[in-house]
Protein backbone atom coordinates (compact mmCIF):
# COMPACT_ATOMS: atom_id res chain seq x y z
CA UNK A 1 14.66 -1.87 -22.94
CA UNK A 2 17.02 -0.88 -20.24
CA UNK A 3 18.84 2.48 -20.45
CA UNK A 4 22.58 2.04 -21.36
CA UNK A 5 23.87 2.49 -17.76
CA UNK A 6 21.56 -0.18 -16.31
CA UNK A 7 22.11 -2.44 -19.35
CA UNK A 8 25.84 -2.31 -18.95
CA UNK A 9 25.62 -2.74 -15.02
CA UNK A 10 23.33 -5.76 -15.40
CA UNK A 11 25.63 -7.38 -17.92
CA UNK A 12 28.57 -6.90 -15.57
CA UNK A 13 26.72 -8.63 -12.73
CA UNK A 14 25.63 -11.48 -15.00
CA UNK A 15 29.16 -11.88 -16.23
CA UNK A 16 30.40 -12.30 -12.66
CA UNK A 17 27.54 -14.67 -11.82
CA UNK A 18 28.51 -16.78 -14.88
CA UNK A 19 32.11 -17.00 -13.49
CA UNK A 20 30.84 -18.03 -10.04
CA UNK A 21 28.68 -20.76 -11.59
CA UNK A 22 31.72 -22.08 -13.50
CA UNK A 23 33.66 -21.97 -10.18
CA UNK A 24 30.96 -24.01 -8.27
CA UNK A 25 30.10 -21.19 -5.95
CA UNK A 26 26.79 -20.05 -4.54
CA UNK A 27 25.76 -16.46 -5.33
CA UNK A 28 23.75 -14.34 -2.89
CA UNK A 29 22.34 -10.79 -3.04
CA UNK A 30 21.11 -8.66 -0.21
CA UNK A 31 17.53 -7.36 -0.52
CA UNK A 32 18.94 -3.82 -0.63
CA UNK A 33 22.27 -2.38 -1.86
CA UNK A 34 22.49 -0.51 1.33
CA UNK A 35 25.97 -1.49 2.53
CA UNK A 36 27.85 -1.24 -0.71
CA UNK A 37 27.73 -4.91 -1.56
CA UNK A 38 26.18 -6.07 -4.88
CA UNK A 39 26.83 -9.79 -4.67
CA UNK A 40 28.28 -12.36 -2.31
CA UNK A 41 29.97 -15.61 -3.24
CA UNK A 42 30.01 -18.66 -0.97
CA UNK A 43 31.76 -22.05 -1.31
CA UNK A 44 29.26 -24.69 -0.13
CA UNK A 45 31.72 -26.85 1.84
CA UNK A 46 34.90 -26.65 3.75
CA UNK A 47 37.64 -24.41 2.58
CA UNK A 48 40.81 -24.82 4.60
CA UNK A 49 39.96 -24.07 8.28
CA UNK A 50 36.58 -22.62 7.54
CA UNK A 51 33.19 -24.06 6.55
CA UNK A 52 31.26 -22.03 3.81
CA UNK A 53 33.96 -19.42 3.15
CA UNK A 54 32.67 -16.37 1.41
CA UNK A 55 33.46 -12.90 -0.05
CA UNK A 56 31.34 -9.86 -0.89
CA UNK A 57 31.81 -7.60 -3.87
CA UNK A 58 30.86 -4.32 -5.32
CA UNK A 59 30.48 -4.86 -9.08
CA UNK A 60 31.21 -2.03 -11.46
CA UNK A 61 31.16 -1.90 -15.21
CA UNK A 62 33.39 0.29 -17.41
CA UNK A 63 33.35 0.82 -21.12
CA UNK A 64 36.12 3.35 -21.46
CA UNK A 65 38.99 1.94 -19.24
CA UNK A 66 42.08 4.12 -18.50
CA UNK A 67 45.40 2.23 -18.11
CA UNK A 68 48.32 3.70 -16.17
CA UNK A 69 51.33 1.45 -16.27
CA UNK A 70 50.45 -1.89 -14.76
CA UNK A 71 47.03 -0.70 -13.52
CA UNK A 72 43.53 0.33 -14.45
CA UNK A 73 42.92 3.80 -13.02
CA UNK A 74 39.27 3.47 -11.94
CA UNK A 75 37.28 6.64 -10.95
CA UNK A 76 33.82 5.01 -10.69
CA UNK A 77 33.55 4.97 -6.87
CA UNK A 78 32.32 7.79 -4.79
CA UNK A 79 34.18 8.42 -1.45
CA UNK A 80 31.19 6.89 0.36
CA UNK A 81 31.21 3.75 -1.90
CA UNK A 82 34.96 3.44 -1.29
CA UNK A 83 34.66 3.61 2.44
CA UNK A 84 32.05 0.80 2.39
CA UNK A 85 34.68 -1.38 0.92
CA UNK A 86 37.54 -0.22 3.04
CA UNK A 87 36.27 0.85 6.47
CA UNK A 88 36.30 -2.61 8.13
CA UNK A 89 37.42 -4.86 9.68
CA UNK A 90 34.79 -7.02 7.94
CA UNK A 91 33.98 -10.58 8.91
CA UNK A 92 33.49 -11.37 5.20
CA UNK A 93 36.30 -9.86 2.95
CA UNK A 94 35.25 -7.22 0.45
CA UNK A 95 36.48 -6.67 -3.01
CA UNK A 96 35.89 -4.31 -6.02
CA UNK A 97 35.10 -6.19 -9.30
CA UNK A 98 35.53 -4.08 -12.46
CA UNK A 99 34.09 -5.58 -15.55
CA UNK A 100 35.55 -3.89 -18.65
CA UNK A 101 32.91 -4.12 -21.45
CA UNK A 102 32.66 -3.04 -25.10
CA UNK A 103 31.06 0.44 -25.66
CA UNK A 104 28.61 -1.14 -28.07
CA UNK A 105 26.25 -3.62 -26.28
CA UNK A 106 25.95 -5.63 -29.50
CA UNK A 107 29.39 -6.87 -28.56
CA UNK A 108 28.75 -8.06 -25.01
CA UNK A 109 28.23 -11.66 -26.04
CA UNK A 110 29.11 -13.63 -29.09
CA UNK A 111 28.01 -17.20 -29.95
CA UNK A 112 29.92 -19.27 -32.57
CA UNK A 113 30.75 -22.90 -33.06
CA UNK A 114 33.10 -22.95 -30.09
CA UNK A 115 30.42 -21.69 -27.74
CA UNK A 116 29.50 -18.49 -25.84
CA UNK A 117 32.05 -15.70 -25.34
CA UNK A 118 31.33 -12.90 -22.94
CA UNK A 119 33.31 -9.60 -23.62
CA UNK A 120 35.73 -8.57 -22.16
CA UNK A 121 37.46 -9.14 -18.77
CA UNK A 122 36.70 -8.63 -15.09
CA UNK A 123 39.51 -7.31 -12.75
CA UNK A 124 39.47 -7.38 -8.99
CA UNK A 125 41.06 -5.52 -6.15
CA UNK A 126 41.00 -6.04 -2.32
CA UNK A 127 41.35 -3.31 0.21
CA UNK A 128 42.83 -4.99 3.33
CA UNK A 129 45.11 -2.47 5.01
CA UNK A 130 43.80 0.59 3.06
CA UNK A 131 42.65 3.56 5.00
CA UNK A 132 39.09 4.95 4.69
CA UNK A 133 38.51 8.60 3.74
CA UNK A 134 37.64 10.91 6.64
CA UNK A 135 34.41 12.78 6.14
CA UNK A 136 33.54 11.09 2.76
CA UNK A 137 31.44 12.93 0.25
CA UNK A 138 29.14 11.08 -2.07
CA UNK A 139 29.75 13.73 -4.77
CA UNK A 140 33.53 13.24 -4.81
CA UNK A 141 35.13 10.27 -6.54
CA UNK A 142 38.29 8.45 -5.55
CA UNK A 143 40.87 6.96 -7.93
CA UNK A 144 41.36 3.26 -7.33
CA UNK A 145 44.27 1.53 -9.01
CA UNK A 146 43.27 -1.97 -10.13
CA UNK A 147 46.23 -4.24 -11.16
CA UNK A 148 45.84 -5.47 -14.76
CA UNK A 149 47.28 -8.83 -13.53
CA UNK A 150 44.23 -9.28 -11.34
CA UNK A 151 42.03 -10.82 -13.97
CA UNK A 152 39.07 -12.71 -12.55
CA UNK A 153 39.28 -16.31 -13.68
CA UNK A 154 37.51 -19.36 -12.26
CA UNK A 155 40.61 -20.24 -10.38
CA UNK A 156 41.16 -16.61 -9.03
CA UNK A 157 37.55 -16.42 -7.84
CA UNK A 158 37.80 -19.76 -5.92
CA UNK A 159 41.10 -18.57 -4.36
CA UNK A 160 39.56 -15.21 -3.38
CA UNK A 161 36.66 -17.17 -1.64
CA UNK A 162 38.96 -19.67 -0.03
CA UNK A 163 37.60 -22.65 -1.86
CA UNK A 164 39.85 -25.54 -2.77
CA UNK A 165 41.30 -25.12 -6.19
């Protein structure tokens, strides 16, 4: 069995993959997580002015969320990871996806007569216009405010990618 950290992280990626499937998007993964990107999402068609619009994301899981006003206050990115999301410009937009999960893995998924329920929610944040950290250190962490209103839904994911809704 996976250790708790990897178990939680794998569930978070699978949660986001399920959302992408429901949104009709293709999911891709680089052969190495070398550039700070866990998953990419692409619409297999024309979205507005562009063919095959896409986004790339860093997926993080979190079992002990901290709320400050209208935001989650996420401290799970090192300065190096943060810069990989911020230090563009990027041809393909980048986002942070934070999947808030139960502390007990027994509660990650529930099956009942209405179907399958995945717990709990995924939130997202973009970084366009944010400034990278000068001389980042992989041992220092940065606080990222993720709006509680940015819940990843099928519609929101399609909008982020640039797919027709």
